[in-house]
């Protein structure tokens, strides 16, 4: 099968920001220009930039100098611009319109032979739908939650875990000083990868994750046992998507344009549930978007660069509709159709869970 002739490609970042995005952009632009001689067009603010053609601009080697260490994305991002259900004001009302045909026209207008889409499951799924309408694309998985299937890790995850771990370390000392139960709520949506890894690294006593609905009696029992042993403080790390047995997830906003509710508040619910069961004073810290910000770790910088470089290789080979992925230490590719709509949750028999329970960490089960 002959390889496609490529002269110009586009790149966009969609969904929530994550440390390492600029590392991907930098490697992709450098590889495209220096190795393949392609032009690169930067698409601003995710799919918004494909709907509004004035938000597409050339991306040169000069544009990507000095960005490797920077958090965020130089292209901007959004998780609201769904081309198939695009919200806009019409006659004083907010309506949803299908702008996907406009996206295809703008891709052709700017003569982009392929678009590299950097994003999470939702962003990549929309890219695969646009490909069915004629837009060539390749995917680069991005999420701090590490919930994209078929890749061992996503860039952004390691940085988020490191930030959460540092916060837990600091909270540990104040918990011990005041004999308090300190609850740290971390991000992760419907999976507990951040909570598990950060909780383990931060020496948490209890880790509560969405995959294992917790029994509040077991949580209280762990705290009271520690008190009896003279360890009169406890650290609890809880993923924002966790829930009690028989309960539901906690949202602070269920009506969002991207189709996702905004999880948050489970830490405060847990504090209310624990209060009558333990004697300790309880405090809650919600880390929130601090986990998305700041410079990427060396792991995320290097993984981001590897992904950006590999995406160019997919384009050169004509493997459109594929996503780069990490398998062990090897960069591979998988069809996006294989991962679309699949959430990579923590198996309840995962070796890390087994190890954690063996050393005394409670998961509320």
Protein backbone atom coordinates (compact mmCIF):
# COMPACT_ATOMS: atom_id res chain seq x y z
CA UNK A 1 0.00 0.00 0.00
CA UNK A 2 1.61 3.32 -1.08
CA UNK A 3 2.21 5.88 1.61
CA UNK A 4 0.12 9.07 1.36
CA UNK A 5 1.70 12.30 0.20
CA UNK A 6 1.80 14.62 3.19
CA UNK A 7 2.69 18.30 2.92
CA UNK A 8 0.87 19.95 5.80
CA UNK A 9 -0.57 18.67 9.07
CA UNK A 10 -2.58 20.23 11.87
CA UNK A 11 -2.41 19.71 15.62
CA UNK A 12 -4.92 20.48 18.36
CA UNK A 13 -5.22 19.91 22.11
CA UNK A 14 -8.69 19.14 23.46
CA UNK A 15 -10.30 18.42 26.81
CA UNK A 16 -8.73 19.36 30.14
CA UNK A 17 -5.13 20.54 30.23
CA UNK A 18 -2.37 18.24 31.47
CA UNK A 19 1.33 18.65 32.17
CA UNK A 20 3.27 17.43 29.13
CA UNK A 21 1.07 18.85 26.37
CA UNK A 22 3.75 21.28 25.27
CA UNK A 23 6.30 18.47 25.21
CA UNK A 24 4.10 16.63 22.71
CA UNK A 25 3.58 19.72 20.55
CA UNK A 26 7.30 20.50 20.54
CA UNK A 27 8.35 16.99 19.51
CA UNK A 28 5.63 16.74 16.87
CA UNK A 29 6.53 20.06 15.25
CA UNK A 30 10.25 19.38 15.32
CA UNK A 31 9.82 15.90 13.83
CA UNK A 32 7.37 17.09 11.17
CA UNK A 33 9.54 19.99 10.03
CA UNK A 34 13.08 18.64 10.48
CA UNK A 35 12.57 14.99 9.54
CA UNK A 36 9.69 15.06 7.06
CA UNK A 37 9.70 18.61 5.72
CA UNK A 38 6.00 19.14 6.51
CA UNK A 39 4.31 22.36 7.45
CA UNK A 40 2.38 22.38 10.71
CA UNK A 41 -0.77 24.34 11.49
CA UNK A 42 -1.67 25.01 15.12
CA UNK A 43 -5.39 24.77 15.85
CA UNK A 44 -6.39 26.95 18.80
CA UNK A 45 -8.76 25.96 21.61
CA UNK A 46 -9.42 22.38 20.54
CA UNK A 47 -12.30 21.76 18.15
CA UNK A 48 -13.34 25.39 18.55
CA UNK A 49 -10.43 26.23 16.25
CA UNK A 50 -11.70 23.90 13.53
CA UNK A 51 -15.14 25.48 13.66
CA UNK A 52 -13.77 29.03 13.46
CA UNK A 53 -11.11 29.11 10.70
CA UNK A 54 -9.43 32.32 11.97
CA UNK A 55 -8.21 30.23 14.92
CA UNK A 56 -5.78 28.23 12.77
CA UNK A 57 -2.24 29.52 12.34
CA UNK A 58 1.18 28.26 11.22
CA UNK A 59 3.24 26.58 13.93
CA UNK A 60 6.98 26.94 13.37
CA UNK A 61 10.15 25.78 15.05
CA UNK A 62 10.44 29.22 16.62
CA UNK A 63 6.99 28.81 18.17
CA UNK A 64 8.00 25.68 20.08
CA UNK A 65 11.30 26.89 21.48
CA UNK A 66 11.52 26.97 25.26
CA UNK A 67 8.18 25.27 25.93
CA UNK A 68 9.27 21.80 27.09
CA UNK A 69 9.15 22.68 30.78
CA UNK A 70 5.92 24.68 30.62
CA UNK A 71 2.60 23.35 31.89
CA UNK A 72 -0.66 23.89 30.05
CA UNK A 73 -0.74 24.15 26.26
CA UNK A 74 0.42 26.93 23.97
CA UNK A 75 -2.52 26.11 21.68
CA UNK A 76 -5.22 26.49 24.31
CA UNK A 77 -7.89 23.89 24.94
CA UNK A 78 -11.55 23.43 25.75
CA UNK A 79 -13.85 20.54 26.62
CA UNK A 80 -17.00 22.33 25.44
CA UNK A 81 -16.71 22.52 21.64
CA UNK A 82 -18.34 19.34 20.33
CA UNK A 83 -18.60 19.84 16.53
CA UNK A 84 -21.63 17.54 16.37
CA UNK A 85 -23.47 19.32 19.21
CA UNK A 86 -22.06 22.81 19.12
CA UNK A 87 -23.75 25.30 21.41
CA UNK A 88 -24.37 28.83 20.18
CA UNK A 89 -26.80 31.65 20.72
CA UNK A 90 -29.57 32.01 18.18
CA UNK A 91 -32.38 34.55 18.56
CA UNK A 92 -31.63 34.90 22.25
CA UNK A 93 -31.64 31.16 22.94
CA UNK A 94 -28.86 28.59 23.31
CA UNK A 95 -29.22 25.90 20.66
CA UNK A 96 -27.17 22.89 19.56
CA UNK A 97 -26.07 22.71 15.93
CA UNK A 98 -24.08 20.21 13.89
CA UNK A 99 -20.94 22.00 12.70
CA UNK A 100 -19.07 18.88 11.58
CA UNK A 101 -19.39 19.72 7.88
CA UNK A 102 -17.88 23.14 8.58
CA UNK A 103 -14.95 21.41 10.29
CA UNK A 104 -14.31 19.27 7.22
CA UNK A 105 -14.47 22.34 4.96
CA UNK A 106 -12.01 24.24 7.16
CA UNK A 107 -9.57 21.32 7.20
CA UNK A 108 -9.66 21.30 3.39
CA UNK A 109 -9.47 25.09 3.18
CA UNK A 110 -6.24 25.08 5.16
CA UNK A 111 -4.93 22.11 3.14
CA UNK A 112 -4.23 19.93 6.16
CA UNK A 113 -3.53 16.38 5.02
CA UNK A 114 -3.97 15.04 8.56
CA UNK A 115 -4.80 16.38 12.01
CA UNK A 116 -2.97 15.13 15.11
CA UNK A 117 -5.49 15.19 17.95
CA UNK A 118 -4.12 15.28 21.49
CA UNK A 119 -6.82 14.51 24.03
CA UNK A 120 -8.69 12.13 26.23
CA UNK A 121 -11.33 9.57 25.36
CA UNK A 122 -13.99 12.13 24.47
CA UNK A 123 -11.70 14.22 22.27
CA UNK A 124 -10.36 11.16 20.45
CA UNK A 125 -13.86 9.76 19.96
CA UNK A 126 -14.97 12.98 18.28
CA UNK A 127 -11.87 12.80 16.08
CA UNK A 128 -12.81 9.28 14.97
CA UNK A 129 -16.31 10.52 14.08
CA UNK A 130 -14.82 13.34 12.00
CA UNK A 131 -12.58 10.83 10.25
CA UNK A 132 -15.70 9.01 9.04
CA UNK A 133 -16.69 12.28 7.38
CA UNK A 134 -13.37 12.58 5.56
CA UNK A 135 -10.85 14.12 7.96
CA UNK A 136 -7.64 12.14 8.31
CA UNK A 137 -6.49 12.01 11.93
CA UNK A 138 -4.18 10.30 14.38
CA UNK A 139 -4.57 10.33 18.15
CA UNK A 140 -2.30 11.05 21.09
CA UNK A 141 -3.75 10.00 24.47
CA UNK A 142 -3.76 12.66 27.17
CA UNK A 143 -5.33 12.62 30.63
CA UNK A 144 -4.16 13.04 34.19
CA UNK A 145 -6.72 10.35 35.12
CA UNK A 146 -4.85 7.55 33.26
CA UNK A 147 -8.21 6.07 32.23
CA UNK A 148 -7.65 5.59 28.47
CA UNK A 149 -7.65 1.94 27.51
CA UNK A 150 -4.85 0.16 25.58
CA UNK A 151 -2.04 2.37 26.90
CA UNK A 152 -0.22 1.58 30.14
CA UNK A 153 0.13 5.26 31.02
CA UNK A 154 -0.88 8.63 29.66
CA UNK A 155 1.28 11.71 29.97
CA UNK A 156 0.05 14.10 32.66
CA UNK A 157 -0.67 11.28 35.09
CA UNK A 158 2.77 11.15 36.67
CA UNK A 159 2.77 14.92 37.26
CA UNK A 160 -0.68 14.81 38.86
CA UNK A 161 0.37 11.98 41.15
CA UNK A 162 3.55 13.82 42.14
CA UNK A 163 1.58 16.98 42.99
CA UNK A 164 -0.92 14.99 45.06
CA UNK A 165 1.87 13.09 46.83
CA UNK A 166 3.62 16.32 47.83
CA UNK A 167 0.35 17.68 49.22
CA UNK A 168 -0.25 14.48 51.21
CA UNK A 169 3.29 14.71 52.61
CA UNK A 170 2.58 18.22 53.91
CA UNK A 171 -0.83 17.26 55.29
CA UNK A 172 0.77 14.30 57.09
CA UNK A 173 2.77 16.52 59.43
CA UNK A 174 -0.17 18.71 60.44
CA UNK A 175 -2.39 15.64 60.93
CA UNK A 176 0.15 14.13 63.34
CA UNK A 177 0.63 17.42 65.19
CA UNK A 178 -3.10 17.84 65.89
CA UNK A 179 -4.15 14.17 66.17
CA UNK A 180 -6.59 14.70 63.32
CA UNK A 181 -8.13 12.61 60.59
CA UNK A 182 -7.18 14.38 57.38
CA UNK A 183 -9.16 13.60 54.22
CA UNK A 184 -7.52 14.47 50.91
CA UNK A 185 -9.83 14.43 47.88
CA UNK A 186 -8.03 13.98 44.56
CA UNK A 187 -9.10 14.02 40.93
CA UNK A 188 -9.54 10.99 38.67
CA UNK A 189 -13.22 11.07 37.69
CA UNK A 190 -14.58 7.52 37.62
CA UNK A 191 -11.27 5.74 38.24
CA UNK A 192 -8.90 5.68 41.18
CA UNK A 193 -5.46 5.63 39.58
CA UNK A 194 -4.40 9.01 41.04
CA UNK A 195 -5.79 8.16 44.48
CA UNK A 196 -4.09 4.75 44.51
CA UNK A 197 -0.65 5.87 43.33
CA UNK A 198 -0.57 9.12 45.32
CA UNK A 199 -2.01 7.43 48.41
CA UNK A 200 0.62 4.71 48.33
CA UNK A 201 3.46 7.17 47.74
CA UNK A 202 2.12 9.53 50.42
CA UNK A 203 1.82 6.79 53.10
CA UNK A 204 -1.96 7.07 53.40
CA UNK A 205 -3.66 4.82 55.94
CA UNK A 206 -6.91 4.56 53.99
CA UNK A 207 -7.42 4.86 50.22
CA UNK A 208 -10.93 5.00 48.80
CA UNK A 209 -11.43 4.59 45.05
CA UNK A 210 -14.44 4.52 42.71
CA UNK A 211 -13.86 0.87 41.82
CA UNK A 212 -14.49 -0.26 45.42
CA UNK A 213 -17.58 1.25 47.11
CA UNK A 214 -16.56 1.77 50.72
CA UNK A 215 -18.07 0.49 53.94
CA UNK A 216 -18.00 3.42 56.37
CA UNK A 217 -17.85 1.01 59.33
CA UNK A 218 -14.61 -0.49 57.99
CA UNK A 219 -13.13 2.97 57.51
CA UNK A 220 -14.03 3.98 61.07
CA UNK A 221 -12.69 0.67 62.41
CA UNK A 222 -9.29 1.36 60.85
CA UNK A 223 -9.12 4.83 62.41
CA UNK A 224 -10.19 3.62 65.86
CA UNK A 225 -7.72 0.74 65.76
CA UNK A 226 -4.91 3.20 65.01
CA UNK A 227 -6.06 5.35 67.93
CA UNK A 228 -5.95 2.34 70.27
CA UNK A 229 -2.41 1.61 69.08
CA UNK A 230 -1.29 5.13 69.94
CA UNK A 231 -1.37 6.32 66.32
CA UNK A 232 -3.97 8.99 67.01
CA UNK A 233 -4.07 10.48 63.51
CA UNK A 234 -5.01 9.07 60.12
CA UNK A 235 -4.60 10.08 56.48
CA UNK A 236 -7.41 9.23 54.04
CA UNK A 237 -7.00 9.72 50.29
CA UNK A 238 -10.25 9.55 48.36
CA UNK A 239 -10.87 9.75 44.63
CA UNK A 240 -13.52 12.28 43.58
CA UNK A 241 -15.61 9.50 42.01
CA UNK A 242 -15.68 7.26 45.10
CA UNK A 243 -18.96 6.39 46.77
CA UNK A 244 -20.22 4.49 49.82
CA UNK A 245 -21.83 1.05 49.50
CA UNK A 246 -25.39 1.62 48.38
CA UNK A 247 -24.71 5.30 47.73
CA UNK A 248 -24.07 7.44 44.68
CA UNK A 249 -21.26 9.66 43.47
CA UNK A 250 -21.27 13.28 44.62
CA UNK A 251 -21.50 16.09 42.06
CA UNK A 252 -21.31 19.82 42.49
CA UNK A 253 -22.68 20.37 38.97
CA UNK A 254 -24.52 17.79 36.88
CA UNK A 255 -25.49 20.00 33.95
CA UNK A 256 -22.48 20.55 31.73
CA UNK A 257 -22.24 21.04 27.98
CA UNK A 258 -19.60 18.35 27.49
CA UNK A 259 -21.87 15.63 28.85
CA UNK A 260 -19.89 15.10 32.04
CA UNK A 261 -21.05 16.05 35.51
CA UNK A 262 -18.53 17.81 37.72
CA UNK A 263 -17.60 15.38 40.47
CA UNK A 264 -16.64 16.86 43.81
CA UNK A 265 -17.58 16.87 47.45
CA UNK A 266 -17.18 13.23 48.40
CA UNK A 267 -14.48 14.20 50.91
CA UNK A 268 -16.95 16.35 52.86
CA UNK A 269 -19.61 13.62 52.72
CA UNK A 270 -17.07 11.15 54.09
CA UNK A 271 -16.26 13.57 56.93
CA UNK A 272 -19.96 13.81 57.83
CA UNK A 273 -20.30 10.03 57.81
CA UNK A 274 -17.20 9.53 59.98
CA UNK A 275 -17.87 12.26 62.52
CA UNK A 276 -20.19 10.25 64.82
CA UNK A 277 -18.01 7.13 64.55
CA UNK A 278 -14.58 8.46 65.59
CA UNK A 279 -13.33 10.80 68.31
CA UNK A 280 -10.77 12.60 66.15
CA UNK A 281 -11.27 16.04 64.72
CA UNK A 282 -11.68 15.73 60.94
CA UNK A 283 -10.47 18.10 58.24
CA UNK A 284 -10.94 17.92 54.45
CA UNK A 285 -8.60 19.18 51.73
CA UNK A 286 -9.74 19.13 48.10
CA UNK A 287 -6.74 19.45 45.80
CA UNK A 288 -8.73 20.25 42.66
CA UNK A 289 -7.07 21.82 39.64
CA UNK A 290 -3.67 22.21 41.28
CA UNK A 291 -3.19 18.64 40.02
CA UNK A 292 -3.44 19.84 36.41
CA UNK A 293 -0.98 22.70 36.70
CA UNK A 294 2.73 23.29 36.93
CA UNK A 295 5.74 21.91 35.11
CA UNK A 296 5.57 18.29 33.95
CA UNK A 297 7.78 15.71 35.62
CA UNK A 298 10.66 14.17 33.68
CA UNK A 299 8.43 11.12 33.09
CA UNK A 300 5.72 13.19 31.43
CA UNK A 301 8.18 15.29 29.43
CA UNK A 302 9.84 12.20 28.00
CA UNK A 303 6.59 10.31 27.38
CA UNK A 304 5.08 13.38 25.73
CA UNK A 305 8.05 13.72 23.40
CA UNK A 306 7.92 10.04 22.51
CA UNK A 307 4.20 10.30 21.73
CA UNK A 308 4.65 13.43 19.57
CA UNK A 309 7.46 11.81 17.60
CA UNK A 310 5.51 8.57 17.15
CA UNK A 311 2.42 10.42 15.91
CA UNK A 312 4.44 11.72 12.96
CA UNK A 313 5.47 8.16 12.18
CA UNK A 314 1.81 7.11 12.09
CA UNK A 315 1.02 9.94 9.68
CA UNK A 316 3.96 9.03 7.45
CA UNK A 317 2.79 5.42 7.32
CA UNK A 318 -0.81 6.41 6.62
CA UNK A 319 -2.10 4.77 9.81
CA UNK A 320 -4.98 7.18 10.16
CA UNK A 321 -7.55 6.47 12.83
CA UNK A 322 -4.86 5.06 15.10
CA UNK A 323 -3.59 6.26 18.47
CA UNK A 324 -0.06 6.03 19.83
CA UNK A 325 0.16 4.08 23.10
CA UNK A 326 2.66 2.85 25.66
CA UNK A 327 3.00 -0.91 26.01
CA UNK A 328 5.63 -1.67 28.63
CA UNK A 329 8.49 0.51 27.41
CA UNK A 330 7.53 0.33 23.74
CA UNK A 331 5.52 2.90 21.79
CA UNK A 332 2.87 1.11 19.73
CA UNK A 333 -0.32 2.08 17.93
CA UNK A 334 -3.90 0.92 18.38
CA UNK A 335 -7.09 1.70 16.43
CA UNK A 336 -9.01 4.48 18.15
CA UNK A 337 -12.20 2.50 17.54
CA UNK A 338 -10.80 -0.09 19.94
CA UNK A 339 -10.49 2.37 22.84
CA UNK A 340 -13.40 4.74 22.19
CA UNK A 341 -15.93 4.53 25.00
CA UNK A 342 -13.78 2.13 27.06
CA UNK A 343 -12.68 3.31 30.51
CA UNK A 344 -9.56 1.74 32.01
CA UNK A 345 -10.60 1.13 35.61
CA UNK A 346 -8.48 -0.46 38.36
CA UNK A 347 -9.20 -4.22 38.53
CA UNK A 348 -10.27 -5.12 42.06
CA UNK A 349 -7.57 -7.80 42.10
CA UNK A 350 -4.84 -5.45 40.87
CA UNK A 351 -1.39 -6.32 42.32
CA UNK A 352 -1.02 -2.83 43.80
CA UNK A 353 -4.25 -3.30 45.76
CA UNK A 354 -3.07 -6.68 47.05
CA UNK A 355 0.29 -5.25 48.07
CA UNK A 356 -1.33 -2.24 49.77
CA UNK A 357 -3.70 -4.41 51.80
CA UNK A 358 -0.85 -6.71 52.81
CA UNK A 359 1.02 -3.76 54.34
CA UNK A 360 -2.07 -2.55 56.19
CA UNK A 361 -3.79 0.01 53.98
CA UNK A 362 -7.58 0.00 54.23
CA UNK A 363 -9.80 0.26 51.12
CA UNK A 364 -13.13 0.15 52.92
CA UNK A 365 -14.00 -3.38 51.91
